[in-house]
Amino acid sequence: MPGTPAVVEQLVHARLLITTHRSARLRVTLRYRADDPLAVHMLFPAEYALDADRADRTEEAEPAPGGLAPARPPAPPEIEWVFARQLLTAGLELPSGLGDVHIRPALGRRTMVELRSPEGTALLQFDSNELRRFLWRSHVAVPEGSEPAHLDADRALAQLLG
């Protein structure tokens, strides 16, 4: 669709539920790409990694221009979860998901996202309206049902085999 963005990105706030009485507020980036039309990318700051090694990892500092003092080390890479756009859509209305990602509506205008990995489970609470706004923008970029027209079969096969 000419004139529509190839990438939809939205910063949202989430609450990471640590215990029944403790939580942490964090910013999450939601990303949708027209060249990957079936997927939603959810990016978290690296300090929230369940893998302690990854949360503490930083790359070696680059020298500053002129070699006087080292520049600030780059930030650790973000943690990225990728799952089906349809899962996010369905999870806003009914409990949905198998495997590593589960999404369900919660009391009020909240949506719960549960992410499971070998290192542990993270339970996040989002404002449902922020998720709906992101999905609406993704559907403007690639309307539901037109995803196959945006798929690059050769690229997808190369990713699977590479």
C-alpha atoms as a PDB file:
ATOM      1  CA  MET A   1       0.000   0.000   0.000  1.00  0.00           C
ATOM      2  CA  PRO A   2       1.796   3.197  -1.137  1.00  0.00           C
ATOM      3  CA  GLY A   3       2.372   5.864   1.476  1.00  0.00           C
ATOM      4  CA  THR A   4       2.026   3.546   4.479  1.00  0.00           C
ATOM      5  CA  PRO A   5       4.987   3.007   6.768  1.00  0.00           C
ATOM      6  CA  ALA A   6       7.026  -0.150   6.252  1.00  0.00           C
ATOM      7  CA  VAL A   7       7.637  -0.254  10.022  1.00  0.00           C
ATOM      8  CA  VAL A   8       5.206   0.507  12.826  1.00  0.00           C
ATOM      9  CA  GLU A   9       6.885   1.140  16.151  1.00  0.00           C
ATOM     10  CA  GLN A  10       5.296   2.179  19.412  1.00  0.00           C
ATOM     11  CA  LEU A  11       6.739   2.670  22.868  1.00  0.00           C
ATOM     12  CA  VAL A  12       4.385   1.384  25.588  1.00  0.00           C
ATOM     13  CA  HIS A  13       4.585   1.036  29.350  1.00  0.00           C
ATOM     14  CA  ALA A  14       4.285  -2.306  31.052  1.00  0.00           C
ATOM     15  CA  ARG A  15       4.378  -3.528  34.597  1.00  0.00           C
ATOM     16  CA  LEU A  16       6.606  -6.545  35.238  1.00  0.00           C
ATOM     17  CA  LEU A  17       4.980  -8.492  38.077  1.00  0.00           C
ATOM     18  CA  ILE A  18       7.759  -9.784  40.318  1.00  0.00           C
ATOM     19  CA  THR A  19       5.681 -11.007  43.288  1.00  0.00           C
ATOM     20  CA  THR A  20       2.087 -10.420  44.385  1.00  0.00           C
ATOM     21  CA  HIS A  21       3.263  -7.225  46.122  1.00  0.00           C
ATOM     22  CA  ARG A  22       6.198  -6.119  43.934  1.00  0.00           C
ATOM     23  CA  SER A  23       6.363  -4.944  40.371  1.00  0.00           C
ATOM     24  CA  ALA A  24       8.612  -2.865  38.152  1.00  0.00           C
ATOM     25  CA  ARG A  25       7.536  -0.398  35.510  1.00  0.00           C
ATOM     26  CA  LEU A  26       9.372  -0.656  32.214  1.00  0.00           C
ATOM     27  CA  ARG A  27       9.184   0.666  28.700  1.00  0.00           C
ATOM     28  CA  VAL A  28       8.612  -1.834  25.939  1.00  0.00           C
ATOM     29  CA  THR A  29       8.950  -1.224  22.218  1.00  0.00           C
ATOM     30  CA  LEU A  30       6.369  -2.877  19.985  1.00  0.00           C
ATOM     31  CA  ARG A  31       7.455  -3.236  16.369  1.00  0.00           C
ATOM     32  CA  TYR A  32       5.650  -4.465  13.278  1.00  0.00           C
ATOM     33  CA  ARG A  33       7.321  -4.728   9.885  1.00  0.00           C
ATOM     34  CA  ALA A  34       5.433  -4.999   6.613  1.00  0.00           C
ATOM     35  CA  ASP A  35       8.165  -7.321   5.298  1.00  0.00           C
ATOM     36  CA  ASP A  36       7.426  -9.720   8.212  1.00  0.00           C
ATOM     37  CA  PRO A  37       3.632  -9.318   8.140  1.00  0.00           C
ATOM     38  CA  LEU A  38       2.614 -12.175  10.437  1.00  0.00           C
ATOM     39  CA  ALA A  39       4.822 -11.216  13.379  1.00  0.00           C
ATOM     40  CA  VAL A  40       4.939  -8.716  16.224  1.00  0.00           C
ATOM     41  CA  HIS A  41       8.292  -7.893  17.825  1.00  0.00           C
ATOM     42  CA  MET A  42       8.347  -6.983  21.515  1.00  0.00           C
ATOM     43  CA  LEU A  43      11.638  -5.457  22.717  1.00  0.00           C
ATOM     44  CA  PHE A  44      12.644  -5.093  26.368  1.00  0.00           C
ATOM     45  CA  PRO A  45      15.602  -3.343  28.008  1.00  0.00           C
ATOM     46  CA  ALA A  46      18.453  -5.829  28.546  1.00  0.00           C
ATOM     47  CA  GLU A  47      18.498  -5.279  32.310  1.00  0.00           C
ATOM     48  CA  TYR A  48      15.233  -7.243  32.517  1.00  0.00           C
ATOM     49  CA  ALA A  49      16.766 -10.389  31.022  1.00  0.00           C
ATOM     50  CA  LEU A  50      16.040 -13.567  32.944  1.00  0.00           C
ATOM     51  CA  ASP A  51      19.515 -14.770  31.973  1.00  0.00           C
ATOM     52  CA  ALA A  52      21.826 -13.012  34.475  1.00  0.00           C
ATOM     53  CA  ASP A  53      24.818 -13.224  32.114  1.00  0.00           C
ATOM     54  CA  ARG A  54      22.932 -11.385  29.404  1.00  0.00           C
ATOM     55  CA  ALA A  55      21.625  -8.714  31.760  1.00  0.00           C
ATOM     56  CA  ASP A  56      25.180  -7.886  32.895  1.00  0.00           C
ATOM     57  CA  ARG A  57      26.860  -8.157  29.491  1.00  0.00           C
ATOM     58  CA  THR A  58      28.281  -5.051  27.856  1.00  0.00           C
ATOM     59  CA  GLU A  59      30.661  -4.829  24.948  1.00  0.00           C
ATOM     60  CA  GLU A  60      34.170  -3.491  25.350  1.00  0.00           C
ATOM     61  CA  ALA A  61      34.367   0.296  25.426  1.00  0.00           C
ATOM     62  CA  GLU A  62      35.330   2.010  22.183  1.00  0.00           C
ATOM     63  CA  PRO A  63      38.149   4.553  22.445  1.00  0.00           C
ATOM     64  CA  ALA A  64      37.075   8.169  22.203  1.00  0.00           C
ATOM     65  CA  PRO A  65      38.210  10.209  19.196  1.00  0.00           C
ATOM     66  CA  GLY A  66      41.870  11.068  19.626  1.00  0.00           C
ATOM     67  CA  GLY A  67      42.371   8.092  21.948  1.00  0.00           C
ATOM     68  CA  LEU A  68      42.224  10.255  25.101  1.00  0.00           C
ATOM     69  CA  ALA A  69      39.727   8.285  27.166  1.00  0.00           C
ATOM     70  CA  PRO A  70      37.380   5.410  26.516  1.00  0.00           C
ATOM     71  CA  ALA A  71      33.908   6.359  25.387  1.00  0.00           C
ATOM     72  CA  ARG A  72      30.861   5.103  27.277  1.00  0.00           C
ATOM     73  CA  PRO A  73      30.368   1.380  26.597  1.00  0.00           C
ATOM     74  CA  PRO A  74      27.465   0.594  24.311  1.00  0.00           C
ATOM     75  CA  ALA A  75      24.240  -0.523  25.962  1.00  0.00           C
ATOM     76  CA  PRO A  76      23.611  -4.267  26.039  1.00  0.00           C
ATOM     77  CA  PRO A  77      21.347  -5.488  23.263  1.00  0.00           C
ATOM     78  CA  GLU A  78      17.625  -5.441  23.854  1.00  0.00           C
ATOM     79  CA  ILE A  79      15.732  -8.639  24.531  1.00  0.00           C
ATOM     80  CA  GLU A  80      13.405  -9.420  21.649  1.00  0.00           C
ATOM     81  CA  TRP A  81      10.389 -11.709  21.641  1.00  0.00           C
ATOM     82  CA  VAL A  82       8.664 -12.416  18.341  1.00  0.00           C
ATOM     83  CA  PHE A  83       5.189 -13.906  18.089  1.00  0.00           C
ATOM     84  CA  ALA A  84       2.155 -13.900  15.813  1.00  0.00           C
ATOM     85  CA  ARG A  85       0.201 -10.684  15.340  1.00  0.00           C
ATOM     86  CA  GLN A  86      -2.933 -12.826  15.439  1.00  0.00           C
ATOM     87  CA  LEU A  87      -1.974 -14.055  18.926  1.00  0.00           C
ATOM     88  CA  LEU A  88      -1.866 -10.489  20.230  1.00  0.00           C
ATOM     89  CA  THR A  89      -5.220  -9.738  18.579  1.00  0.00           C
ATOM     90  CA  ALA A  90      -6.868 -12.852  20.019  1.00  0.00           C
ATOM     91  CA  GLY A  91      -5.326 -12.381  23.475  1.00  0.00           C
ATOM     92  CA  LEU A  92      -7.009  -9.014  23.899  1.00  0.00           C
ATOM     93  CA  GLU A  93     -10.386 -10.809  23.917  1.00  0.00           C
ATOM     94  CA  LEU A  94      -9.756 -14.360  25.191  1.00  0.00           C
ATOM     95  CA  PRO A  95      -6.904 -16.300  26.814  1.00  0.00           C
ATOM     96  CA  SER A  96      -4.672 -17.305  23.909  1.00  0.00           C
ATOM     97  CA  GLY A  97      -1.354 -18.930  23.215  1.00  0.00           C
ATOM     98  CA  LEU A  98       0.510 -22.200  23.303  1.00  0.00           C
ATOM     99  CA  GLY A  99       4.141 -22.657  24.130  1.00  0.00           C
ATOM    100  CA  ASP A 100       6.303 -19.687  25.112  1.00  0.00           C
ATOM    101  CA  VAL A 101       3.835 -16.780  24.766  1.00  0.00           C
ATOM    102  CA  HIS A 102       0.413 -16.548  26.414  1.00  0.00           C
ATOM    103  CA  ILE A 103      -1.824 -13.467  26.284  1.00  0.00           C
ATOM    104  CA  ARG A 104      -5.094 -12.873  28.117  1.00  0.00           C
ATOM    105  CA  PRO A 105      -7.399 -10.036  29.118  1.00  0.00           C
ATOM    106  CA  ALA A 106      -7.314  -8.930  32.764  1.00  0.00           C
ATOM    107  CA  LEU A 107      -9.525  -6.818  35.006  1.00  0.00           C
ATOM    108  CA  GLY A 108     -10.038  -3.262  33.917  1.00  0.00           C
ATOM    109  CA  ARG A 109      -8.467  -2.259  30.660  1.00  0.00           C
ATOM    110  CA  ARG A 110      -5.409  -4.450  31.128  1.00  0.00           C
ATOM    111  CA  THR A 111      -3.874  -7.313  29.187  1.00  0.00           C
ATOM    112  CA  MET A 112      -1.481  -9.877  30.628  1.00  0.00           C
ATOM    113  CA  VAL A 113       1.429 -11.239  28.588  1.00  0.00           C
ATOM    114  CA  GLU A 114       3.270 -14.276  29.922  1.00  0.00           C
ATOM    115  CA  LEU A 115       6.662 -15.094  28.413  1.00  0.00           C
ATOM    116  CA  ARG A 116       8.205 -18.477  29.195  1.00  0.00           C
ATOM    117  CA  SER A 117      11.826 -19.471  28.625  1.00  0.00           C
ATOM    118  CA  PRO A 118      14.179 -22.085  30.076  1.00  0.00           C
ATOM    119  CA  GLU A 119      15.482 -19.353  32.435  1.00  0.00           C
ATOM    120  CA  GLY A 120      12.040 -18.609  33.878  1.00  0.00           C
ATOM    121  CA  THR A 121       8.704 -16.929  33.313  1.00  0.00           C
ATOM    122  CA  ALA A 122       7.933 -13.223  33.067  1.00  0.00           C
ATOM    123  CA  LEU A 123       4.423 -11.876  33.628  1.00  0.00           C
ATOM    124  CA  LEU A 124       3.732  -8.428  32.220  1.00  0.00           C
ATOM    125  CA  GLN A 125       0.682  -6.198  32.436  1.00  0.00           C
ATOM    126  CA  PHE A 126      -0.123  -3.776  29.592  1.00  0.00           C
ATOM    127  CA  ASP A 127      -2.790  -1.152  29.027  1.00  0.00           C
ATOM    128  CA  SER A 128      -5.121  -2.818  26.501  1.00  0.00           C
ATOM    129  CA  ASN A 129      -5.789   0.465  24.693  1.00  0.00           C
ATOM    130  CA  GLU A 130      -2.071   0.902  23.944  1.00  0.00           C
ATOM    131  CA  LEU A 131      -1.944  -2.609  22.480  1.00  0.00           C
ATOM    132  CA  ARG A 132      -5.113  -1.968  20.431  1.00  0.00           C
ATOM    133  CA  ARG A 133      -3.648   1.284  19.085  1.00  0.00           C
ATOM    134  CA  PHE A 134      -0.491  -0.557  18.010  1.00  0.00           C
ATOM    135  CA  LEU A 135      -2.524  -3.313  16.335  1.00  0.00           C
ATOM    136  CA  TRP A 136      -4.687  -0.742  14.537  1.00  0.00           C
ATOM    137  CA  ARG A 137      -1.555   0.940  13.168  1.00  0.00           C
ATOM    138  CA  SER A 138      -0.183  -2.448  12.064  1.00  0.00           C
ATOM    139  CA  HIS A 139      -3.450  -3.175  10.251  1.00  0.00           C
ATOM    140  CA  VAL A 140      -3.210   0.168   8.457  1.00  0.00           C
ATOM    141  CA  ALA A 141       0.260  -0.870   7.236  1.00  0.00           C
ATOM    142  CA  VAL A 142      -0.835  -4.412   6.283  1.00  0.00           C
ATOM    143  CA  PRO A 143      -4.566  -5.124   6.475  1.00  0.00           C
ATOM    144  CA  GLU A 144      -5.577  -8.422   8.052  1.00  0.00           C
ATOM    145  CA  GLY A 145      -5.900 -11.051   5.332  1.00  0.00           C
ATOM    146  CA  SER A 146      -3.451  -9.354   2.963  1.00  0.00           C
ATOM    147  CA  GLU A 147      -0.318 -10.661   4.709  1.00  0.00           C
ATOM    148  CA  PRO A 148       0.493 -13.280   2.003  1.00  0.00           C
ATOM    149  CA  ALA A 149       0.932 -10.499  -0.560  1.00  0.00           C
ATOM    150  CA  HIS A 150       3.687  -9.021   1.649  1.00  0.00           C
ATOM    151  CA  LEU A 151       5.568 -12.260   2.296  1.00  0.00           C
ATOM    152  CA  ASP A 152       8.913 -12.825   0.606  1.00  0.00           C
ATOM    153  CA  ALA A 153       9.013 -16.621   0.286  1.00  0.00           C
ATOM    154  CA  ASP A 154      12.691 -16.715  -0.713  1.00  0.00           C
ATOM    155  CA  ARG A 155      13.707 -14.599   2.295  1.00  0.00           C
ATOM    156  CA  ALA A 156      11.579 -16.658   4.682  1.00  0.00           C
ATOM    157  CA  LEU A 157      13.100 -19.890   3.382  1.00  0.00           C
ATOM    158  CA  ALA A 158      16.618 -18.479   3.699  1.00  0.00           C
ATOM    159  CA  GLN A 159      15.898 -17.506   7.320  1.00  0.00           C
ATOM    160  CA  LEU A 160      14.615 -20.980   8.108  1.00  0.00           C
ATOM    161  CA  LEU A 161      17.613 -22.687   6.547  1.00  0.00           C
ATOM    162  CA  GLY A 162      20.246 -20.107   7.538  1.00  0.00           C
END
